[in-house]
Amino acid sequence: MDIQIKEEIKRVFQSQKNHQRVMRASTSEQRKAKLNRFLEVIAAHEEEIIEAVRLDVRKPYTEVKKVEVLGTIKAIKDNINHLDEWMDPKVVGSSLNAEAQGYLNYEPKGTCLILGPWNYPFMLTMAPLAAAIAAGNNAIIKLSDFTMKTSQIAAKIIREAFDEREVAIFEGEVDVATELLDQPFDHIFFTGSTNVGKIVMTAAAKHLASVTLELGGKSPTIIDNEYDLLDAAKKIAVGKFVNAGQTCVAPDYIFIKEEQQEAFTNHLQAVVQAGFLTEDGTADRNKFTQIVNDRNFNRVKALFDDAISKGAEIVFGGQFDAYDRTIAPTILKKVTPDMDIMKEEIFAPILPLLNYDELDEVIDYINERDKPLALYVFSSNQKVIDKVVNQTTSGNASINDVVVHFSEYNLPFGGVNTSGLGSYHGIYGFKAFSHEKGVFIQAK
């Protein structure tokens, strides 16, 4: 890599290290002032943010505004609104002496590295940054090199909103991320694939840095035989096909009784037709996102071709346009576990249907595989819900809806094992970037 960039990374990193004491001593009012300034700059550049994301990955305007801009603003405001409460030391008393005292003090971890993904490049980088600032850290961030236009506007915003001793940003490709990972950060926050997450964790181990890994996985969806199929279809269509399925918590596959499949897919096709397709049944480019790059397009096409060659059937969809990397919303039936499409996260608008007879079969199938980031159950039967939630493991679970739990800031969001390590959102983000220090005060 360019020796100047390498030296610049080291210079900025050391500058932030030298500034840690000032950041550590910052009050809630000072931190909120930084976050408010962050909000002001984002608001001033809202249209540029939207245009950059649209140029990178042809997303609908309203979708970009809602997720990338308003989602980021919500995260920043949540930190501002609750920061005083979060920063207050928490008295826990003493188990040794009634006259002694113990309390929890939240101190910043120090200098943090935040590595963002390409699927929601602005929001999934800036929301963790807001938590890092609220906790009193300084940070260096890097967005994905798959979304360079978004990275450019992010750099403009960061440099306008912050002193580089507080927050800095580096643009570039994999070599820049590699050089950043070689620095002895106090904490690393990464959102992306499980494979890259392993690389990040290995790099962090060299310096014993703590990590938050927001990864992914094959999030299963279970539809109980008494549930309203139209309601399930409406919710699953949005959760699966928004952003062309390139969402870490999108339903990856569905377990549904064979006798319900035709009714469910009829509902699903009608919802998809109204929301994402033109009158002739092809993907509406004004409403539907493209696949991020050729490599991912070809990966998904190979998964699809393998499934078809092994007996899967297209219920609807199945159109692939390599010219602009568009894959139509697609439903497959007669899918079996031996197909490649059931062995890795699809991350595209293809939804396989699997048959099941007994709920225990579904639970066994899920438990025999990597732990997913999310698990969805559509059921009106509390016994079914309790059995699935209590007998499976997943980062989060959602009942009678999909994806929306990501926006519930009263709950931690994160994975488990291969789907992630640690969590954030709300107070959980503040804690992710804080050291919870126990303080004991002996009675005289």
Protein backbone atom coordinates (compact mmCIF):
# COMPACT_ATOMS: atom_id res chain seq x y z
CA MET A 1 0.00 0.00 0.00
CA ASP A 2 0.98 3.67 -0.34
CA ILE A 3 3.59 4.43 2.32
CA GLN A 4 1.99 7.84 2.90
CA ILE A 5 -1.36 6.26 3.80
CA LYS A 6 0.39 3.81 6.10
CA GLU A 7 2.18 6.63 7.91
CA GLU A 8 -1.01 8.68 8.04
CA ILE A 9 -2.88 5.81 9.73
CA LYS A 10 -0.17 5.55 12.35
CA ARG A 11 -0.11 9.33 12.86
CA VAL A 12 -3.88 9.61 13.34
CA PHE A 13 -4.00 6.56 15.58
CA GLN A 14 -1.28 7.98 17.85
CA SER A 15 -2.98 11.36 17.87
CA GLN A 16 -6.18 9.72 19.10
CA LYS A 17 -4.28 7.74 21.71
CA ASN A 18 -2.76 10.96 23.00
CA HIS A 19 -6.24 12.52 23.17
CA GLN A 20 -7.83 9.67 25.15
CA ARG A 21 -7.49 11.38 28.51
CA VAL A 22 -9.50 14.36 27.28
CA MET A 23 -12.20 12.07 25.85
CA ARG A 24 -12.33 10.02 29.04
CA ALA A 25 -12.91 13.15 31.13
CA SER A 26 -15.69 14.49 28.88
CA THR A 27 -19.05 15.19 30.51
CA SER A 28 -22.43 14.06 29.24
CA GLU A 29 -23.09 17.60 28.01
CA GLN A 30 -19.86 17.62 25.99
CA ARG A 31 -20.63 14.23 24.48
CA LYS A 32 -24.18 15.29 23.63
CA ALA A 33 -22.80 18.42 21.99
CA LYS A 34 -20.64 16.23 19.72
CA LEU A 35 -23.65 14.07 18.86
CA ASN A 36 -25.81 17.11 18.13
CA ARG A 37 -23.14 18.46 15.83
CA PHE A 38 -23.09 15.04 14.13
CA LEU A 39 -26.87 15.34 13.61
CA GLU A 40 -26.58 18.83 12.15
CA VAL A 41 -23.98 17.79 9.59
CA ILE A 42 -25.96 14.69 8.54
CA ALA A 43 -29.10 16.81 8.10
CA ALA A 44 -27.14 19.31 6.00
CA HIS A 45 -25.93 16.55 3.67
CA GLU A 46 -29.05 14.35 3.60
CA GLU A 47 -29.58 14.49 -0.16
CA GLU A 48 -25.90 13.78 -0.82
CA ILE A 49 -26.07 10.70 1.41
CA ILE A 50 -29.12 9.40 -0.42
CA GLU A 51 -27.61 10.05 -3.84
CA ALA A 52 -24.33 8.33 -2.89
CA VAL A 53 -26.05 5.15 -1.71
CA ARG A 54 -28.26 5.11 -4.80
CA LEU A 55 -25.22 5.43 -7.05
CA ASP A 56 -23.46 2.60 -5.23
CA VAL A 57 -26.31 0.07 -5.18
CA ARG A 58 -29.40 1.39 -7.05
CA LYS A 59 -31.73 1.54 -4.06
CA PRO A 60 -35.14 3.26 -4.08
CA TYR A 61 -34.99 6.84 -2.78
CA THR A 62 -37.54 6.35 0.01
CA GLU A 63 -35.83 3.16 1.18
CA VAL A 64 -32.45 4.89 1.45
CA LYS A 65 -33.94 7.87 3.28
CA LYS A 66 -35.84 5.69 5.76
CA VAL A 67 -33.02 3.27 6.57
CA GLU A 68 -29.75 5.06 5.95
CA VAL A 69 -30.68 8.62 6.99
CA LEU A 70 -33.60 8.35 9.40
CA GLY A 71 -32.22 5.14 10.90
CA THR A 72 -28.94 6.88 11.65
CA ILE A 73 -30.71 9.92 13.09
CA LYS A 74 -32.80 7.67 15.34
CA ALA A 75 -29.66 5.99 16.70
CA ILE A 76 -27.93 9.30 17.42
CA LYS A 77 -30.99 10.81 19.12
CA ASP A 78 -31.45 7.71 21.27
CA ASN A 79 -27.93 8.17 22.62
CA ILE A 80 -28.51 11.86 23.28
CA ASN A 81 -31.83 11.27 25.05
CA HIS A 82 -30.54 8.60 27.43
CA LEU A 83 -26.90 9.49 27.96
CA ASP A 84 -27.27 11.12 31.38
CA GLU A 85 -29.00 8.03 32.72
CA TRP A 86 -26.48 5.63 31.16
CA MET A 87 -23.44 7.50 32.45
CA ASP A 88 -24.64 7.64 36.06
CA PRO A 89 -22.75 5.17 38.31
CA LYS A 90 -25.00 2.30 39.41
CA VAL A 91 -24.96 1.44 43.11
CA VAL A 92 -24.96 -2.33 43.74
CA GLY A 93 -24.26 -2.46 47.47
CA SER A 94 -21.89 -4.89 49.16
CA SER A 95 -22.21 -8.60 49.89
CA LEU A 96 -19.31 -8.37 52.38
CA ASN A 97 -20.33 -5.65 54.75
CA ALA A 98 -23.62 -3.80 55.13
CA GLU A 99 -21.67 -0.62 55.76
CA ALA A 100 -19.50 -1.00 52.65
CA GLN A 101 -20.55 -0.04 49.16
CA GLY A 102 -20.09 -1.17 45.60
CA TYR A 103 -20.94 0.63 42.40
CA LEU A 104 -20.47 0.28 38.66
CA ASN A 105 -18.63 2.99 36.79
CA TYR A 106 -18.81 3.16 32.99
CA GLU A 107 -15.56 4.30 31.44
CA PRO A 108 -14.71 4.48 27.73
CA LYS A 109 -12.72 1.62 26.27
CA GLY A 110 -10.40 4.07 24.50
CA THR A 111 -9.51 4.23 20.83
CA CYS A 112 -11.91 2.18 18.73
CA LEU A 113 -11.98 0.90 15.17
CA ILE A 114 -15.36 0.67 13.41
CA LEU A 115 -15.49 -1.30 10.16
CA GLY A 116 -18.75 -0.90 8.26
CA PRO A 117 -20.49 -3.25 5.78
CA TRP A 118 -21.72 -2.63 2.23
CA ASN A 119 -25.38 -3.62 2.52
CA TYR A 120 -26.45 -0.62 4.64
CA PRO A 121 -23.16 1.25 4.43
CA PHE A 122 -24.03 4.54 6.09
CA MET A 123 -26.37 3.54 8.93
CA LEU A 124 -24.49 0.42 9.98
CA THR A 125 -21.30 2.44 10.34
CA MET A 126 -22.68 5.64 11.84
CA ALA A 127 -25.00 4.04 14.42
CA PRO A 128 -22.10 2.22 16.15
CA LEU A 129 -20.09 5.44 15.91
CA ALA A 130 -22.83 7.29 17.81
CA ALA A 131 -22.59 4.70 20.59
CA ALA A 132 -18.80 5.02 20.68
CA ILE A 133 -19.03 8.80 21.03
CA ALA A 134 -21.69 8.55 23.72
CA ALA A 135 -19.42 6.24 25.71
CA GLY A 136 -16.56 8.76 25.51
CA ASN A 137 -14.29 7.03 23.03
CA ASN A 138 -12.39 8.30 20.04
CA ALA A 139 -12.72 6.27 16.86
CA ILE A 140 -11.38 5.58 13.42
CA ILE A 141 -13.89 4.30 10.91
CA LYS A 142 -13.75 2.70 7.48
CA LEU A 143 -16.64 1.89 5.20
CA SER A 144 -16.67 -0.97 2.70
CA ASP A 145 -14.71 -0.51 -0.52
CA PHE A 146 -17.78 -1.92 -2.33
CA THR A 147 -19.60 1.37 -1.70
CA MET A 148 -17.07 4.07 -2.52
CA LYS A 149 -19.55 6.89 -3.18
CA THR A 150 -21.06 6.38 0.26
CA SER A 151 -17.58 6.25 1.75
CA GLN A 152 -16.80 9.62 0.15
CA ILE A 153 -19.84 11.40 1.59
CA ALA A 154 -19.23 9.72 4.97
CA ALA A 155 -15.68 11.11 4.92
CA LYS A 156 -17.00 14.59 4.16
CA ILE A 157 -19.44 14.39 7.08
CA ILE A 158 -16.92 13.00 9.57
CA ARG A 159 -14.32 15.63 8.74
CA GLU A 160 -16.90 18.40 9.01
CA ALA A 161 -18.39 17.17 12.28
CA PHE A 162 -15.33 16.08 14.27
CA ASP A 163 -11.77 16.88 15.14
CA GLU A 164 -9.66 13.98 13.81
CA ARG A 165 -8.40 13.38 17.36
CA GLU A 166 -12.01 12.44 18.19
CA VAL A 167 -13.20 10.71 15.02
CA ALA A 168 -11.27 10.05 11.81
CA ILE A 169 -12.07 8.14 8.65
CA PHE A 170 -9.94 6.33 6.09
CA GLU A 171 -11.09 5.46 2.59
CA GLY A 172 -9.64 2.75 0.41
CA GLU A 173 -9.64 -0.97 -0.23
CA VAL A 174 -8.71 -4.09 1.72
CA ASP A 175 -5.10 -3.02 2.28
CA VAL A 176 -6.29 0.02 4.25
CA ALA A 177 -8.48 -2.15 6.47
CA THR A 178 -5.57 -4.55 6.96
CA GLU A 179 -3.27 -1.74 8.05
CA LEU A 180 -5.90 -0.40 10.42
CA LEU A 181 -6.32 -3.86 11.96
CA ASP A 182 -2.60 -3.93 12.63
CA GLN A 183 -2.90 -1.02 15.08
CA PRO A 184 -3.35 -1.79 18.80
CA PHE A 185 -6.94 -0.57 19.17
CA ASP A 186 -8.75 -0.94 22.49
CA HIS A 187 -11.96 -2.15 20.84
CA ILE A 188 -12.97 -3.21 17.33
CA PHE A 189 -16.56 -3.12 16.08
CA PHE A 190 -17.12 -5.02 12.84
CA THR A 191 -20.26 -5.61 10.78
CA GLY A 192 -19.99 -8.07 7.91
CA SER A 193 -19.57 -11.71 7.00
CA THR A 194 -18.60 -14.53 9.35
CA ASN A 195 -15.47 -15.28 7.34
CA VAL A 196 -14.16 -11.72 7.59
CA GLY A 197 -15.26 -11.62 11.23
CA LYS A 198 -12.77 -14.42 11.92
CA ILE A 199 -10.00 -12.33 10.35
CA VAL A 200 -10.97 -9.33 12.49
CA MET A 201 -11.02 -11.42 15.66
CA THR A 202 -7.62 -12.90 14.84
CA ALA A 203 -6.17 -9.40 14.36
CA ALA A 204 -7.74 -8.21 17.62
CA ALA A 205 -6.20 -11.15 19.49
CA LYS A 206 -2.70 -9.88 18.72
CA HIS A 207 -3.37 -6.87 20.94
CA LEU A 208 -6.01 -8.48 23.21
CA ALA A 209 -8.52 -5.91 21.97
CA SER A 210 -12.15 -6.54 22.79
CA VAL A 211 -14.47 -7.02 19.81
CA THR A 212 -18.09 -6.66 18.81
CA LEU A 213 -18.83 -8.77 15.75
CA GLU A 214 -22.16 -8.25 13.98
CA LEU A 215 -22.21 -11.10 11.47
CA GLY A 216 -25.02 -13.04 9.82
CA GLY A 217 -26.16 -16.55 9.04
CA LYS A 218 -29.15 -18.46 7.77
CA SER A 219 -32.10 -17.05 9.73
CA PRO A 220 -34.95 -19.58 9.67
CA THR A 221 -38.66 -18.79 9.57
CA ILE A 222 -41.32 -21.19 10.85
CA ILE A 223 -44.97 -20.84 9.84
CA ASP A 224 -47.38 -22.71 12.11
CA ASN A 225 -50.32 -24.38 10.40
CA GLU A 226 -52.96 -22.21 12.12
CA TYR A 227 -51.41 -18.82 11.38
CA ASP A 228 -52.94 -16.24 9.00
CA LEU A 229 -50.98 -16.87 5.79
CA LEU A 230 -51.74 -13.47 4.24
CA ASP A 231 -50.35 -11.67 7.28
CA ALA A 232 -47.22 -13.83 7.19
CA ALA A 233 -46.80 -13.23 3.44
CA LYS A 234 -47.03 -9.44 3.78
CA LYS A 235 -44.39 -9.30 6.51
CA ILE A 236 -42.04 -11.87 5.00
CA ALA A 237 -42.15 -10.20 1.57
CA VAL A 238 -40.94 -6.90 3.01
CA GLY A 239 -38.33 -8.48 5.28
CA LYS A 240 -36.93 -10.71 2.55
CA PHE A 241 -37.08 -8.58 -0.59
CA VAL A 242 -36.27 -5.07 0.62
CA ASN A 243 -32.65 -4.36 -0.38
CA ALA A 244 -32.90 -7.44 -2.63
CA GLY A 245 -32.46 -9.74 0.37
CA GLN A 246 -29.10 -8.20 1.24
CA THR A 247 -30.04 -7.82 4.90
CA CYS A 248 -28.28 -9.74 7.67
CA VAL A 249 -31.57 -10.54 9.44
CA ALA A 250 -33.63 -11.29 6.32
CA PRO A 251 -35.53 -14.60 6.46
CA ASP A 252 -33.18 -17.05 4.76
CA TYR A 253 -35.55 -20.00 4.38
CA ILE A 254 -39.04 -21.04 5.49
CA PHE A 255 -40.39 -24.16 7.14
CA ILE A 256 -44.05 -24.58 6.15
CA LYS A 257 -46.44 -27.52 5.96
CA GLU A 258 -46.74 -28.85 2.41
CA GLU A 259 -50.52 -28.42 2.33
CA GLN A 260 -50.13 -24.69 3.10
CA GLN A 261 -47.49 -23.88 0.52
CA GLU A 262 -49.76 -23.10 -2.42
CA ALA A 263 -51.98 -20.71 -0.46
CA PHE A 264 -48.95 -19.02 1.12
CA THR A 265 -47.04 -18.58 -2.13
CA ASN A 266 -50.15 -17.21 -3.89
CA HIS A 267 -50.39 -14.53 -1.20
CA LEU A 268 -46.66 -13.90 -1.36
CA GLN A 269 -46.68 -13.56 -5.15
CA ALA A 270 -49.51 -11.02 -5.01
CA VAL A 271 -47.65 -8.94 -2.41
CA VAL A 272 -44.40 -9.10 -4.38
CA GLN A 273 -46.18 -8.17 -7.62
CA ALA A 274 -47.70 -5.08 -6.00
CA GLY A 275 -44.55 -4.00 -4.19
CA PHE A 276 -41.57 -4.88 -6.37
CA LEU A 277 -42.54 -5.84 -9.93
CA THR A 278 -43.70 -4.21 -13.14
CA GLU A 279 -46.94 -5.25 -14.84
CA ASP A 280 -45.11 -7.84 -16.94
CA GLY A 281 -43.76 -9.53 -13.79
CA THR A 282 -40.14 -8.39 -14.02
CA ALA A 283 -38.30 -6.57 -11.22
CA ASP A 284 -39.10 -2.85 -11.18
CA ARG A 285 -35.71 -1.11 -11.18
CA ASN A 286 -37.29 1.92 -9.48
CA LYS A 287 -38.42 -0.21 -6.55
CA PHE A 288 -35.90 -3.02 -6.38
CA THR A 289 -32.23 -2.96 -5.41
CA GLN A 290 -29.51 -4.58 -7.47
CA ILE A 291 -26.93 -7.08 -6.17
CA VAL A 292 -23.84 -5.25 -4.93
CA ASN A 293 -21.27 -6.59 -7.42
CA ASP A 294 -20.56 -9.25 -10.04
CA ARG A 295 -18.92 -11.61 -7.58
CA ASN A 296 -22.02 -11.77 -5.38
CA PHE A 297 -24.34 -11.97 -8.40
CA ASN A 298 -22.40 -14.96 -9.75
CA ARG A 299 -22.28 -16.58 -6.30
CA VAL A 300 -26.08 -16.41 -5.98
CA LYS A 301 -26.63 -17.63 -9.55
CA ALA A 302 -24.45 -20.67 -8.77
CA LEU A 303 -26.52 -21.44 -5.65
CA PHE A 304 -29.71 -21.17 -7.68
CA ASP A 305 -28.41 -23.35 -10.51
CA ASP A 306 -27.26 -26.03 -8.07
CA ALA A 307 -30.69 -26.10 -6.41
CA ILE A 308 -32.50 -26.45 -9.74
CA SER A 309 -30.11 -29.19 -10.87
CA LYS A 310 -30.91 -31.15 -7.69
CA GLY A 311 -34.69 -30.96 -8.03
CA ALA A 312 -35.80 -27.59 -6.65
CA GLU A 313 -38.68 -25.98 -8.54
CA ILE A 314 -39.43 -22.31 -9.18
CA VAL A 315 -42.76 -21.18 -7.75
CA PHE A 316 -42.30 -17.70 -9.19
CA GLY A 317 -39.39 -15.47 -10.17
CA GLY A 318 -36.11 -17.00 -11.29
CA GLN A 319 -35.05 -14.21 -13.65
CA PHE A 320 -31.38 -13.17 -13.52
CA ASP A 321 -30.15 -10.10 -15.39
CA ALA A 322 -26.35 -10.02 -15.32
CA TYR A 323 -26.25 -6.69 -17.19
CA ASP A 324 -27.36 -4.68 -14.14
CA ARG A 325 -27.02 -7.42 -11.49
CA THR A 326 -30.77 -7.74 -10.88
CA ILE A 327 -32.28 -10.93 -9.48
CA ALA A 328 -36.08 -11.04 -9.42
CA PRO A 329 -37.83 -12.02 -6.17
CA THR A 330 -37.80 -15.80 -6.33
CA ILE A 331 -39.49 -18.60 -4.40
CA LEU A 332 -38.21 -22.17 -4.61
CA LYS A 333 -40.04 -25.31 -3.45
CA LYS A 334 -38.90 -28.91 -3.10
CA VAL A 335 -35.67 -27.64 -1.57
CA THR A 336 -33.58 -30.17 0.38
CA PRO A 337 -30.70 -29.80 2.88
CA ASP A 338 -28.12 -31.24 0.47
CA MET A 339 -28.46 -28.27 -1.89
CA ASP A 340 -25.76 -25.59 -1.75
CA ILE A 341 -28.39 -22.91 -1.22
CA MET A 342 -29.08 -24.46 2.20
CA LYS A 343 -25.39 -24.46 3.19
CA GLU A 344 -24.55 -20.75 3.16
CA GLU A 345 -26.34 -17.47 3.78
CA ILE A 346 -28.15 -16.55 0.56
CA PHE A 347 -28.06 -12.75 0.98
CA ALA A 348 -30.20 -12.28 -2.12
CA PRO A 349 -33.92 -12.28 -3.06
CA ILE A 350 -34.30 -16.06 -3.22
CA LEU A 351 -36.47 -17.76 -0.63
CA PRO A 352 -36.42 -21.58 -0.30
CA LEU A 353 -39.41 -23.45 1.17
CA LEU A 354 -38.84 -26.61 3.21
CA ASN A 355 -41.56 -29.06 4.20
CA TYR A 356 -42.05 -30.30 7.74
CA ASP A 357 -44.48 -32.58 9.53
CA GLU A 358 -43.59 -32.23 13.22
CA LEU A 359 -42.15 -29.22 15.04
CA ASP A 360 -39.40 -31.37 16.56
CA GLU A 361 -38.00 -31.94 13.04
CA VAL A 362 -37.63 -28.18 12.60
CA ILE A 363 -36.00 -27.69 16.00
CA ASP A 364 -33.54 -30.53 15.34
CA TYR A 365 -32.67 -29.09 11.92
CA ILE A 366 -31.95 -25.64 13.35
CA ASN A 367 -29.95 -26.97 16.30
CA GLU A 368 -27.75 -29.16 14.10
CA ARG A 369 -26.47 -26.09 12.21
CA ASP A 370 -24.69 -22.83 12.98
CA LYS A 371 -26.60 -20.54 15.31
CA PRO A 372 -28.49 -17.95 13.26
CA LEU A 373 -28.57 -14.20 13.80
CA ALA A 374 -32.36 -14.21 13.91
CA LEU A 375 -35.15 -16.76 14.16
CA TYR A 376 -38.78 -16.10 13.22
CA VAL A 377 -41.95 -17.88 14.32
CA PHE A 378 -45.42 -17.17 12.97
CA SER A 379 -47.90 -18.79 15.32
CA SER A 380 -50.96 -18.07 17.45
CA ASN A 381 -50.17 -21.03 19.68
CA GLN A 382 -48.15 -19.99 22.74
CA LYS A 383 -46.97 -23.55 23.33
CA VAL A 384 -45.45 -23.65 19.84
CA ILE A 385 -43.82 -20.24 20.35
CA ASP A 386 -42.38 -21.20 23.74
CA LYS A 387 -41.09 -24.52 22.46
CA VAL A 388 -39.19 -22.95 19.56
CA VAL A 389 -37.80 -20.03 21.56
CA ASN A 390 -36.74 -22.20 24.51
CA GLN A 391 -35.31 -25.11 22.54
CA THR A 392 -33.27 -23.23 19.92
CA THR A 393 -30.46 -20.68 20.05
CA SER A 394 -30.27 -17.53 17.94
CA GLY A 395 -28.98 -14.00 18.27
CA ASN A 396 -32.54 -12.70 18.49
CA ALA A 397 -36.00 -14.12 17.95
CA SER A 398 -39.10 -12.40 16.65
CA ILE A 399 -42.67 -13.64 16.88
CA ASN A 400 -45.21 -12.93 14.11
CA ASP A 401 -42.94 -10.50 12.31
CA VAL A 402 -39.50 -10.35 10.72
CA VAL A 403 -36.60 -7.88 10.67
CA VAL A 404 -38.37 -5.09 12.62
CA HIS A 405 -36.77 -6.20 15.90
CA PHE A 406 -33.60 -4.55 14.59
CA SER A 407 -35.25 -1.18 15.22
CA GLU A 408 -36.34 -2.00 18.79
CA TYR A 409 -33.71 -0.18 20.84
CA ASN A 410 -34.97 -1.54 24.17
CA LEU A 411 -33.57 -4.93 23.13
CA PRO A 412 -29.93 -5.87 22.48
CA PHE A 413 -29.16 -6.67 18.86
CA GLY A 414 -26.42 -9.16 18.10
CA GLY A 415 -25.52 -12.70 17.21
CA VAL A 416 -24.14 -15.75 18.93
CA ASN A 417 -21.06 -17.77 17.92
CA THR A 418 -20.89 -17.80 14.10
CA SER A 419 -23.60 -15.14 13.83
CA GLY A 420 -21.77 -12.69 16.06
CA LEU A 421 -20.20 -11.74 19.35
CA GLY A 422 -21.59 -9.03 21.61
CA SER A 423 -24.55 -6.73 20.95
CA TYR A 424 -25.50 -3.10 20.59
CA HIS A 425 -28.46 -0.67 20.21
CA GLY A 426 -29.63 1.61 22.99
CA ILE A 427 -27.89 1.07 26.30
CA TYR A 428 -26.36 -2.11 24.90
CA GLY A 429 -24.37 -0.03 22.40
CA PHE A 430 -23.19 2.27 25.17
CA LYS A 431 -22.08 -0.79 27.14
CA ALA A 432 -20.38 -2.35 24.10
CA PHE A 433 -18.05 0.65 23.95
CA SER A 434 -17.65 0.96 27.73
CA HIS A 435 -15.68 -0.85 30.39
CA GLU A 436 -18.06 -1.63 33.26
CA LYS A 437 -15.68 -1.05 36.14
CA GLY A 438 -16.64 -2.29 39.58
CA VAL A 439 -15.64 0.04 42.46
CA PHE A 440 -15.60 -1.16 46.07
CA ILE A 441 -15.65 1.28 48.99
CA GLN A 442 -14.77 -0.24 52.36
CA ALA A 443 -16.57 1.03 55.44
CA LYS A 444 -14.34 2.81 57.94
